[in-house]
Each structure stands twice: as structure tokens, then as C-alpha cells.
Amino acid sequence: MPALALLSVALEQTVQWKYGTAGSIGLLLLTIGIRSRRPTLSSAGAVILALLVTGPALSS
């Protein structure tokens, strides 16, 4: 269990560093949506993360 918590914190810090606050919000929505079994929240988080990841490729 501690390894999972450590991995989670590392992933969150990486997303925050690379994608800023919007990335953290997307990851938070995705995580809350999965844990509470709300597809709307998890979909919104996934869309935010997908837009952040593909944004540089689309603007080229």
C-alpha cells in the first residue's frame, strides 16, 4: 500500500510539473470519478488530460 501511495504522489507531481494546474485538475477529476463510479467526472478528467497531451501536436 505505501508503494501505491508513493506512485500516486509521484504521478501527481509529474503531471503538475508538466501540465500545470489544469493537469492536476484533470487528474483529480479522473481519480474522483473512478473512485466514486461517476462516469461524468472521469470522462471530464480524461478529456482535460487528453487535450493537454495533444494540444502541442494540434497547434503545430
N, C-alpha and C. Protein backbone atom coordinates (compact mmCIF):
# COMPACT_ATOMS: atom_id res chain seq x y z
N MET A 1 0.80 -1.19 0.00
CA MET A 1 0.00 0.00 0.00
C MET A 1 0.85 1.27 0.00
N PRO A 2 1.94 1.34 0.78
CA PRO A 2 2.76 2.55 0.73
C PRO A 2 3.36 2.79 -0.66
N ALA A 3 3.66 1.70 -1.37
CA ALA A 3 4.23 1.86 -2.71
C ALA A 3 3.20 2.49 -3.65
N LEU A 4 1.94 2.11 -3.50
CA LEU A 4 0.88 2.68 -4.33
C LEU A 4 0.69 4.17 -4.03
N ALA A 5 0.76 4.53 -2.77
CA ALA A 5 0.64 5.93 -2.39
C ALA A 5 1.82 6.74 -2.93
N LEU A 6 2.99 6.17 -2.85
CA LEU A 6 4.18 6.85 -3.36
C LEU A 6 4.09 7.02 -4.88
N LEU A 7 3.62 6.01 -5.57
CA LEU A 7 3.45 6.08 -7.02
C LEU A 7 2.41 7.15 -7.38
N SER A 8 1.34 7.21 -6.60
CA SER A 8 0.30 8.20 -6.85
C SER A 8 0.83 9.62 -6.69
N VAL A 9 1.60 9.85 -5.65
CA VAL A 9 2.17 11.17 -5.41
C VAL A 9 3.16 11.53 -6.51
N ALA A 10 3.96 10.57 -6.93
CA ALA A 10 4.93 10.82 -8.00
C ALA A 10 4.23 11.16 -9.31
N LEU A 11 3.15 10.44 -9.61
CA LEU A 11 2.40 10.72 -10.83
C LEU A 11 1.76 12.10 -10.77
N GLU A 12 1.20 12.45 -9.63
CA GLU A 12 0.57 13.76 -9.50
C GLU A 12 1.59 14.89 -9.63
N GLN A 13 2.75 14.72 -9.06
CA GLN A 13 3.79 15.75 -9.16
C GLN A 13 4.29 15.89 -10.59
N THR A 14 4.42 14.77 -11.30
CA THR A 14 4.86 14.81 -12.69
C THR A 14 3.83 15.54 -13.56
N VAL A 15 2.56 15.23 -13.37
CA VAL A 15 1.50 15.89 -14.14
C VAL A 15 1.48 17.37 -13.83
N GLN A 16 1.60 17.73 -12.54
CA GLN A 16 1.60 19.15 -12.16
C GLN A 16 2.79 19.87 -12.78
N TRP A 17 3.95 19.24 -12.78
CA TRP A 17 5.14 19.88 -13.31
C TRP A 17 5.03 20.09 -14.82
N LYS A 18 4.51 19.08 -15.51
CA LYS A 18 4.48 19.15 -16.96
C LYS A 18 3.28 19.92 -17.51
N TYR A 19 2.11 19.76 -16.87
CA TYR A 19 0.88 20.35 -17.42
C TYR A 19 0.25 21.41 -16.53
N GLY A 20 0.84 21.70 -15.39
CA GLY A 20 0.36 22.78 -14.54
C GLY A 20 -0.91 22.45 -13.78
N THR A 21 -1.62 23.49 -13.43
CA THR A 21 -2.82 23.35 -12.62
C THR A 21 -3.92 22.61 -13.37
N ALA A 22 -4.05 22.86 -14.65
CA ALA A 22 -5.09 22.18 -15.43
C ALA A 22 -4.86 20.67 -15.44
N GLY A 23 -3.61 20.25 -15.49
CA GLY A 23 -3.31 18.82 -15.44
C GLY A 23 -3.68 18.22 -14.10
N SER A 24 -3.43 18.95 -13.03
CA SER A 24 -3.80 18.47 -11.70
C SER A 24 -5.31 18.36 -11.54
N ILE A 25 -6.02 19.33 -12.08
CA ILE A 25 -7.48 19.29 -12.01
C ILE A 25 -8.02 18.12 -12.83
N GLY A 26 -7.47 17.89 -14.00
CA GLY A 26 -7.88 16.76 -14.82
C GLY A 26 -7.62 15.43 -14.14
N LEU A 27 -6.45 15.30 -13.52
CA LEU A 27 -6.12 14.07 -12.81
C LEU A 27 -7.01 13.89 -11.59
N LEU A 28 -7.32 14.98 -10.91
CA LEU A 28 -8.20 14.91 -9.74
C LEU A 28 -9.61 14.48 -10.15
N LEU A 29 -10.14 15.07 -11.22
CA LEU A 29 -11.47 14.69 -11.70
C LEU A 29 -11.51 13.24 -12.14
N LEU A 30 -10.46 12.79 -12.81
CA LEU A 30 -10.40 11.41 -13.26
C LEU A 30 -10.37 10.46 -12.06
N THR A 31 -9.56 10.77 -11.07
CA THR A 31 -9.45 9.92 -9.90
C THR A 31 -10.75 9.88 -9.10
N ILE A 32 -11.35 11.04 -8.86
CA ILE A 32 -12.60 11.08 -8.11
C ILE A 32 -13.71 10.35 -8.87
N GLY A 33 -13.75 10.54 -10.17
CA GLY A 33 -14.77 9.87 -10.97
C GLY A 33 -14.65 8.36 -10.95
N ILE A 34 -13.43 7.86 -10.99
CA ILE A 34 -13.22 6.41 -10.96
C ILE A 34 -13.58 5.85 -9.59
N ARG A 35 -13.13 6.52 -8.53
CA ARG A 35 -13.39 6.02 -7.18
C ARG A 35 -14.86 6.09 -6.80
N SER A 36 -15.56 7.12 -7.24
CA SER A 36 -16.98 7.25 -6.88
C SER A 36 -17.90 6.65 -7.93
N ARG A 37 -17.32 6.08 -8.97
CA ARG A 37 -18.07 5.46 -10.07
C ARG A 37 -19.04 6.42 -10.74
N ARG A 38 -18.53 7.61 -11.01
CA ARG A 38 -19.30 8.62 -11.73
C ARG A 38 -18.64 8.85 -13.08
N PRO A 39 -19.25 8.34 -14.13
CA PRO A 39 -18.63 8.43 -15.46
C PRO A 39 -18.50 9.86 -15.96
N THR A 40 -19.35 10.76 -15.52
CA THR A 40 -19.26 12.15 -15.97
C THR A 40 -17.96 12.79 -15.50
N LEU A 41 -17.62 12.59 -14.22
CA LEU A 41 -16.40 13.17 -13.69
C LEU A 41 -15.16 12.55 -14.32
N SER A 42 -15.17 11.22 -14.43
CA SER A 42 -14.00 10.57 -15.00
C SER A 42 -13.83 10.93 -16.48
N SER A 43 -14.93 11.09 -17.19
CA SER A 43 -14.84 11.50 -18.60
C SER A 43 -14.31 12.93 -18.73
N ALA A 44 -14.77 13.81 -17.86
CA ALA A 44 -14.30 15.20 -17.91
C ALA A 44 -12.80 15.26 -17.62
N GLY A 45 -12.35 14.50 -16.63
CA GLY A 45 -10.93 14.46 -16.32
C GLY A 45 -10.11 13.89 -17.46
N ALA A 46 -10.62 12.84 -18.09
CA ALA A 46 -9.91 12.23 -19.20
C ALA A 46 -9.83 13.18 -20.40
N VAL A 47 -10.89 13.91 -20.65
CA VAL A 47 -10.89 14.87 -21.76
C VAL A 47 -9.90 16.00 -21.50
N ILE A 48 -9.87 16.50 -20.27
CA ILE A 48 -8.91 17.56 -19.93
C ILE A 48 -7.48 17.08 -20.15
N LEU A 49 -7.18 15.89 -19.64
CA LEU A 49 -5.82 15.35 -19.80
C LEU A 49 -5.50 15.10 -21.27
N ALA A 50 -6.46 14.60 -22.03
CA ALA A 50 -6.22 14.34 -23.45
C ALA A 50 -5.96 15.63 -24.21
N LEU A 51 -6.71 16.68 -23.88
CA LEU A 51 -6.47 17.97 -24.55
C LEU A 51 -5.12 18.55 -24.19
N LEU A 52 -4.70 18.38 -22.96
CA LEU A 52 -3.38 18.88 -22.57
C LEU A 52 -2.26 18.12 -23.26
N VAL A 53 -2.43 16.82 -23.41
CA VAL A 53 -1.38 16.00 -24.03
C VAL A 53 -1.31 16.25 -25.53
N THR A 54 -2.47 16.36 -26.19
CA THR A 54 -2.48 16.51 -27.65
C THR A 54 -2.42 17.97 -28.09
N GLY A 55 -2.54 18.90 -27.18
CA GLY A 55 -2.53 20.33 -27.52
C GLY A 55 -1.34 20.74 -28.33
N PRO A 56 -0.09 20.42 -27.91
CA PRO A 56 1.08 20.83 -28.70
C PRO A 56 1.11 20.21 -30.10
N ALA A 57 0.61 19.00 -30.24
CA ALA A 57 0.62 18.35 -31.55
C ALA A 57 -0.40 18.99 -32.50
N LEU A 58 -1.51 19.46 -31.94
CA LEU A 58 -2.53 20.07 -32.77
C LEU A 58 -2.19 21.48 -33.20
N SER A 59 -1.39 22.18 -32.41
CA SER A 59 -1.08 23.57 -32.73
C SER A 59 0.10 23.70 -33.69
N SER A 60 0.77 22.62 -34.01
CA SER A 60 1.94 22.68 -34.90
C SER A 60 1.56 22.86 -36.34
